[in-house]
Amino acid sequence: MDILDILISASFWAAAVRIASPLIFATMGELICERAGVLNLGIEGIMVIGAFTGWITVYAGAGLWFGVAAAMAVGMLFGALHGVLTVPFGLSQHVVGLGVTLLAAAVAAYAYRLALPEVTSPPRIEPFQALEIPWLSALPLIGPAFFAQTPMTYLAFAVAGLTALVLYRTPLGLAIRAAGESPEAVEAQGLSVTALRMGAVIVGSGLMAVGGAFLTMSAFSSFFFEMVNGRGWICIALVVFGAWKPGKAVLGALLFAAFDALQIRLQQTPLGAALPYQVFLMAPYILSILALILMSRRGAAPAALMTPYNKGER
């Protein structure tokens, strides 16, 4: 099988959409935070705690959607912590974000050992199953890729569409974008910059946790600590790649996922036998970095990103 055969196969694009789904959740969450003026480097740890919370909730006997809700709630709690420290207190967003990542990952590790002290390998749950949409799933190529996925994949794209709708078609979205561009203008309109930024960080962190929960409840059926594997940092890069716009960020997530799906399949070809597997593992990241360099020059970050704001100050 050569590269062309891989690229025109339905299974390849189905895998790319599946790999992109958790990235879309977390990227939308990070984009909302940054549009409001807050860089959330807690994303990696929040995805880990979201993955653990969703999995352990279902393992304890709750339903799958309850597990998703529990993961989002825990993510929002860590988002509230991040928001309190960076918005009203004005602490360094870099330092706080890294601290939240370390704290969330540590809490997940501690809770895992506390809940399953004698377990050597993580138990499995029954994850979301693929849900085929009648008629559409039978379409050539795009049918299996986009219309024979799990419910959480459909939810990921719905969240992306809702994010774009809210940010660009509602007064709330305008206020959020203004908080990241010109908080003084927001204050002049009688709105609270603190409330807008806090709300954006809390909601965005909840979406990041749902992205983590996708891994344990839709992609896999168990939890292990390395499963997030840098996806949070990739999502931060995808926000830049997408020029802080939801549609472009989704395309970036699909592009990265396609690179990832391609490297897995290339390892099964004669080329895979000739090169060390590490070369293929690096390929999606290298290609994404190149794409990021090319695309990031076209987009401008929100003017007040990472800039603390106190009411009444100019």
Protein backbone atom coordinates (compact mmCIF):
# COMPACT_ATOMS: atom_id res chain seq x y z
CA MET A 1 0.00 0.00 0.00
CA ASP A 2 1.47 3.37 -1.04
CA ILE A 3 0.70 6.83 0.33
CA LEU A 4 -1.95 7.52 -2.32
CA ASP A 5 -3.84 4.35 -1.42
CA ILE A 6 -3.75 5.40 2.23
CA LEU A 7 -5.00 8.91 1.52
CA ILE A 8 -8.02 7.72 -0.49
CA SER A 9 -9.10 5.08 2.00
CA ALA A 10 -12.16 5.68 4.16
CA SER A 11 -10.53 4.07 7.19
CA PHE A 12 -7.71 6.63 7.10
CA TRP A 13 -10.05 9.61 7.20
CA ALA A 14 -12.25 7.95 9.81
CA ALA A 15 -9.17 7.59 11.99
CA ALA A 16 -8.16 11.21 11.33
CA VAL A 17 -11.58 12.50 12.43
CA ARG A 18 -11.46 10.30 15.52
CA ILE A 19 -7.96 11.52 16.47
CA ALA A 20 -8.99 15.14 15.87
CA SER A 21 -12.07 15.00 18.13
CA PRO A 22 -10.37 15.44 21.54
CA LEU A 23 -8.16 18.13 20.01
CA ILE A 24 -11.24 20.04 18.86
CA PHE A 25 -12.78 20.03 22.35
CA ALA A 26 -9.58 21.25 24.01
CA THR A 27 -8.70 23.71 21.24
CA MET A 28 -12.12 25.36 21.50
CA GLY A 29 -11.63 25.62 25.24
CA GLU A 30 -8.22 27.23 24.87
CA LEU A 31 -9.49 29.54 22.13
CA ILE A 32 -12.31 30.82 24.37
CA CYS A 33 -9.81 31.53 27.15
CA GLU A 34 -7.40 33.36 24.88
CA ARG A 35 -10.14 35.34 23.14
CA ALA A 36 -11.00 36.72 26.57
CA GLY A 37 -7.35 37.60 27.20
CA VAL A 38 -6.18 34.64 29.32
CA LEU A 39 -3.54 32.11 28.25
CA ASN A 40 -4.43 28.80 29.91
CA LEU A 41 -1.34 26.63 30.18
CA GLY A 42 -3.21 24.36 32.56
CA ILE A 43 -4.70 22.58 29.55
CA GLU A 44 -2.45 19.52 29.69
CA GLY A 45 -3.21 18.73 33.32
CA ILE A 46 -6.89 19.57 32.92
CA MET A 47 -7.12 17.05 30.08
CA VAL A 48 -5.49 14.42 32.32
CA ILE A 49 -7.89 15.05 35.22
CA GLY A 50 -10.81 15.07 32.76
CA ALA A 51 -9.75 11.73 31.30
CA PHE A 52 -9.46 10.22 34.78
CA THR A 53 -12.71 11.69 36.12
CA GLY A 54 -14.83 10.54 33.21
CA TRP A 55 -13.35 7.04 33.34
CA ILE A 56 -13.56 6.52 37.10
CA THR A 57 -17.12 7.89 37.18
CA VAL A 58 -18.27 5.34 34.61
CA TYR A 59 -16.24 2.59 36.29
CA ALA A 60 -18.07 3.38 39.54
CA GLY A 61 -21.37 2.61 37.82
CA ALA A 62 -22.57 5.91 36.36
CA GLY A 63 -23.66 6.38 32.75
CA LEU A 64 -21.36 7.56 30.00
CA TRP A 65 -22.92 11.00 29.64
CA PHE A 66 -22.82 11.45 33.41
CA GLY A 67 -19.11 10.70 33.16
CA VAL A 68 -18.73 13.42 30.53
CA ALA A 69 -20.60 15.87 32.77
CA ALA A 70 -18.44 14.92 35.78
CA ALA A 71 -15.26 15.45 33.76
CA MET A 72 -16.48 18.86 32.62
CA ALA A 73 -17.39 19.85 36.19
CA VAL A 74 -13.92 18.94 37.48
CA GLY A 75 -12.31 20.81 34.60
CA MET A 76 -14.39 23.87 35.46
CA LEU A 77 -13.19 23.68 39.08
CA PHE A 78 -9.57 23.81 37.96
CA GLY A 79 -10.53 26.56 35.55
CA ALA A 80 -11.98 28.53 38.43
CA LEU A 81 -8.71 28.12 40.33
CA HIS A 82 -6.73 29.30 37.32
CA GLY A 83 -9.13 32.19 36.78
CA VAL A 84 -9.08 33.43 40.37
CA LEU A 85 -5.29 33.50 40.45
CA THR A 86 -4.80 35.15 37.07
CA VAL A 87 -7.79 37.47 36.62
CA PRO A 88 -8.61 39.30 39.88
CA PHE A 89 -5.21 38.62 41.48
CA GLY A 90 -3.28 39.27 38.25
CA LEU A 91 -0.63 36.58 38.82
CA SER A 92 1.54 35.35 35.94
CA GLN A 93 -0.59 33.34 33.55
CA HIS A 94 2.43 31.24 32.55
CA VAL A 95 3.33 30.27 36.11
CA VAL A 96 -0.25 29.65 37.21
CA GLY A 97 -1.01 27.59 34.12
CA LEU A 98 1.99 25.33 34.60
CA GLY A 99 1.10 25.02 38.29
CA VAL A 100 -2.46 23.98 37.42
CA THR A 101 -1.10 21.38 34.99
CA LEU A 102 1.15 19.88 37.66
CA LEU A 103 -1.58 20.03 40.31
CA ALA A 104 -4.27 18.44 38.12
CA ALA A 105 -1.98 15.61 36.99
CA ALA A 106 -0.90 15.00 40.59
CA VAL A 107 -4.51 14.93 41.82
CA ALA A 108 -5.37 12.40 39.10
CA ALA A 109 -2.43 10.20 40.12
CA TYR A 110 -3.30 10.41 43.82
CA ALA A 111 -7.00 9.73 43.24
CA TYR A 112 -6.16 6.75 41.01
CA ARG A 113 -3.94 5.16 43.67
CA LEU A 114 -6.52 5.94 46.35
CA ALA A 115 -9.42 4.42 44.39
CA LEU A 116 -7.52 1.42 43.01
CA PRO A 117 -4.65 0.68 45.41
CA GLU A 118 -4.19 -2.97 44.47
CA VAL A 119 -4.73 -2.72 40.71
CA THR A 120 -1.68 -3.33 38.52
CA SER A 121 -3.40 -2.65 35.20
CA PRO A 122 -6.29 -0.20 34.73
CA PRO A 123 -9.72 -1.85 34.44
CA ARG A 124 -11.80 -1.29 31.34
CA ILE A 125 -15.18 0.32 30.87
CA GLU A 126 -17.70 0.07 28.07
CA PRO A 127 -17.01 3.19 25.97
CA PHE A 128 -19.24 5.05 23.54
CA GLN A 129 -19.97 3.00 20.43
CA ALA A 130 -20.01 4.23 16.86
CA LEU A 131 -23.36 5.71 15.84
CA GLU A 132 -24.02 5.54 12.12
CA ILE A 133 -26.25 8.23 10.65
CA PRO A 134 -28.67 6.65 8.16
CA TRP A 135 -28.01 7.38 4.49
CA LEU A 136 -25.10 9.71 5.21
CA SER A 137 -22.86 6.95 6.58
CA ALA A 138 -23.23 5.08 3.27
CA LEU A 139 -21.70 7.91 1.24
CA PRO A 140 -18.34 7.02 -0.35
CA LEU A 141 -15.28 8.07 1.67
CA ILE A 142 -16.89 10.88 3.69
CA GLY A 143 -19.67 8.63 5.01
CA PRO A 144 -17.50 6.35 7.18
CA ALA A 145 -15.20 9.27 8.01
CA PHE A 146 -17.77 11.77 9.31
CA PHE A 147 -21.05 9.93 9.80
CA ALA A 148 -20.07 6.64 11.46
CA GLN A 149 -18.36 8.03 14.56
CA THR A 150 -19.14 7.97 18.27
CA PRO A 151 -21.57 10.54 19.72
CA MET A 152 -18.70 12.46 21.31
CA THR A 153 -17.17 13.10 17.88
CA TYR A 154 -20.43 14.61 16.68
CA LEU A 155 -20.50 16.65 19.89
CA ALA A 156 -16.96 17.94 19.23
CA PHE A 157 -17.95 19.42 15.88
CA ALA A 158 -21.18 20.78 17.37
CA VAL A 159 -19.15 22.50 20.09
CA ALA A 160 -16.89 24.05 17.45
CA GLY A 161 -19.91 25.36 15.55
CA LEU A 162 -21.51 26.68 18.73
CA THR A 163 -18.25 28.39 19.73
CA ALA A 164 -18.07 30.18 16.39
CA LEU A 165 -21.75 31.13 16.61
CA VAL A 166 -21.45 32.56 20.11
CA LEU A 167 -18.19 34.42 19.49
CA TYR A 168 -19.23 36.06 16.23
CA ARG A 169 -23.02 36.23 16.28
CA THR A 170 -24.00 37.14 19.85
CA PRO A 171 -23.52 40.12 22.17
CA LEU A 172 -21.85 37.77 24.67
CA GLY A 173 -19.28 36.74 22.07
CA LEU A 174 -18.60 40.36 21.22
CA ALA A 175 -18.04 41.12 24.90
CA ILE A 176 -15.68 38.15 25.29
CA ARG A 177 -13.63 39.22 22.26
CA ALA A 178 -13.58 42.80 23.52
CA ALA A 179 -12.26 41.61 26.89
CA GLY A 180 -9.28 40.16 25.05
CA GLU A 181 -8.79 43.11 22.73
CA SER A 182 -9.74 46.23 24.68
CA PRO A 183 -10.87 45.63 28.26
CA GLU A 184 -11.15 49.40 28.76
CA ALA A 185 -13.92 49.48 26.16
CA VAL A 186 -15.72 46.67 27.99
CA GLU A 187 -15.56 48.61 31.24
CA ALA A 188 -16.80 51.74 29.48
CA GLN A 189 -19.93 49.81 28.49
CA GLY A 190 -20.61 48.95 32.10
CA LEU A 191 -19.60 45.29 31.78
CA SER A 192 -17.27 43.40 34.09
CA VAL A 193 -13.99 42.36 32.51
CA THR A 194 -13.31 40.13 35.50
CA ALA A 195 -16.62 38.28 35.12
CA LEU A 196 -16.15 37.80 31.38
CA ARG A 197 -12.61 36.50 31.73
CA MET A 198 -13.48 34.27 34.68
CA GLY A 199 -16.46 32.82 32.81
CA ALA A 200 -14.38 32.20 29.69
CA VAL A 201 -11.64 30.41 31.64
CA ILE A 202 -14.12 28.26 33.55
CA VAL A 203 -16.11 27.23 30.46
CA GLY A 204 -12.95 26.77 28.39
CA SER A 205 -11.38 24.56 31.05
CA GLY A 206 -14.53 22.46 31.14
CA LEU A 207 -14.20 21.83 27.40
CA MET A 208 -10.54 20.89 27.86
CA ALA A 209 -11.56 18.27 30.43
CA VAL A 210 -14.18 16.88 28.03
CA GLY A 211 -11.38 16.53 25.47
CA GLY A 212 -9.50 14.43 27.99
CA ALA A 213 -12.63 12.40 28.77
CA PHE A 214 -12.94 11.60 25.06
CA LEU A 215 -9.73 9.59 25.30
CA THR A 216 -10.98 7.26 28.02
CA MET A 217 -14.64 7.11 27.06
CA SER A 218 -14.61 7.16 23.26
CA ALA A 219 -11.12 6.44 21.90
CA PHE A 220 -9.98 3.92 24.52
CA SER A 221 -11.73 2.08 27.33
CA SER A 222 -9.32 2.59 30.22
CA PHE A 223 -7.11 5.24 31.79
CA PHE A 224 -3.33 5.51 31.83
CA PHE A 225 -1.28 8.56 32.78
CA GLU A 226 0.56 8.97 29.46
CA MET A 227 -2.56 8.97 27.32
CA VAL A 228 -2.82 12.76 26.90
CA ASN A 229 0.79 12.72 25.69
CA GLY A 230 1.24 16.41 24.90
CA ARG A 231 -2.11 16.92 23.20
CA GLY A 232 -2.75 19.96 25.40
CA TRP A 233 0.35 21.72 24.10
CA ILE A 234 -0.67 20.84 20.54
CA CYS A 235 -4.04 22.50 21.16
CA ILE A 236 -2.33 25.72 22.21
CA ALA A 237 -0.41 25.63 18.93
CA LEU A 238 -3.65 24.93 17.02
CA VAL A 239 -5.19 28.11 18.40
CA VAL A 240 -2.27 30.07 16.94
CA PHE A 241 -2.43 28.06 13.72
CA GLY A 242 -6.12 28.93 13.39
CA ALA A 243 -5.43 32.65 13.97
CA TRP A 244 -7.75 32.52 17.01
CA LYS A 245 -10.69 31.56 14.78
CA PRO A 246 -12.72 28.38 15.49
CA GLY A 247 -13.11 27.23 11.88
CA LYS A 248 -9.42 27.44 11.06
CA ALA A 249 -8.52 25.82 14.38
CA VAL A 250 -10.76 22.84 13.53
CA LEU A 251 -9.03 22.51 10.17
CA GLY A 252 -5.69 22.60 11.97
CA ALA A 253 -6.83 19.80 14.30
CA LEU A 254 -7.89 17.70 11.32
CA LEU A 255 -4.56 18.37 9.62
CA PHE A 256 -2.55 17.29 12.65
CA ALA A 257 -4.78 14.22 13.09
CA ALA A 258 -4.27 13.29 9.44
CA PHE A 259 -0.50 13.49 9.90
CA ASP A 260 -0.80 11.29 12.98
CA ALA A 261 -3.02 8.73 11.25
CA LEU A 262 -0.67 8.71 8.27
CA GLN A 263 2.46 8.00 10.32
CA ILE A 264 0.74 5.00 11.95
CA ARG A 265 -0.04 3.52 8.56
CA LEU A 266 3.34 4.32 7.06
CA GLN A 267 4.94 2.15 9.72
CA GLN A 268 3.19 -0.83 8.11
CA THR A 269 4.73 -0.14 4.68
CA PRO A 270 8.20 -1.07 3.34
CA LEU A 271 9.24 2.47 4.27
CA GLY A 272 8.40 1.63 7.87
CA ALA A 273 10.75 -1.32 7.79
CA ALA A 274 13.58 0.84 6.46
CA LEU A 275 13.34 3.70 8.98
CA PRO A 276 13.26 3.77 12.79
CA TYR A 277 9.73 4.11 14.13
CA GLN A 278 10.75 7.25 16.01
CA VAL A 279 10.98 9.07 12.67
CA PHE A 280 7.30 8.43 12.05
CA LEU A 281 6.34 9.43 15.59
CA MET A 282 8.11 12.78 15.09
CA ALA A 283 6.60 13.45 11.67
CA PRO A 284 3.18 14.87 12.77
CA TYR A 285 4.85 17.29 15.17
CA ILE A 286 7.48 18.42 12.67
CA LEU A 287 4.89 18.98 9.96
CA SER A 288 2.63 20.79 12.43
CA ILE A 289 5.48 23.08 13.48
CA LEU A 290 6.17 23.95 9.84
CA ALA A 291 2.50 24.64 9.21
CA LEU A 292 2.36 26.72 12.38
CA ILE A 293 5.30 28.83 11.26
CA LEU A 294 3.68 29.47 7.89
CA MET A 295 0.20 30.25 9.23
CA SER A 296 0.96 32.12 12.43
CA ARG A 297 2.25 35.16 10.54
CA ARG A 298 -1.22 35.74 9.12
CA GLY A 299 -3.02 36.01 12.44
CA ALA A 300 -2.73 38.55 15.21
CA ALA A 301 -3.19 37.53 18.82
CA PRO A 302 -5.79 39.35 20.93
CA ALA A 303 -4.21 42.68 21.90
CA ALA A 304 -4.78 42.22 25.64
CA LEU A 305 -3.79 38.54 25.79
CA MET A 306 -1.82 37.80 29.00
CA THR A 307 -2.33 41.40 30.16
CA PRO A 308 -3.90 41.67 33.64
CA TYR A 309 -6.64 44.26 33.99
CA ASN A 310 -7.84 46.03 37.11
CA LYS A 311 -11.00 48.09 37.05
CA GLY A 312 -10.34 51.80 36.80
CA GLU A 313 -6.72 51.46 35.65
CA ARG A 314 -5.58 52.75 32.28
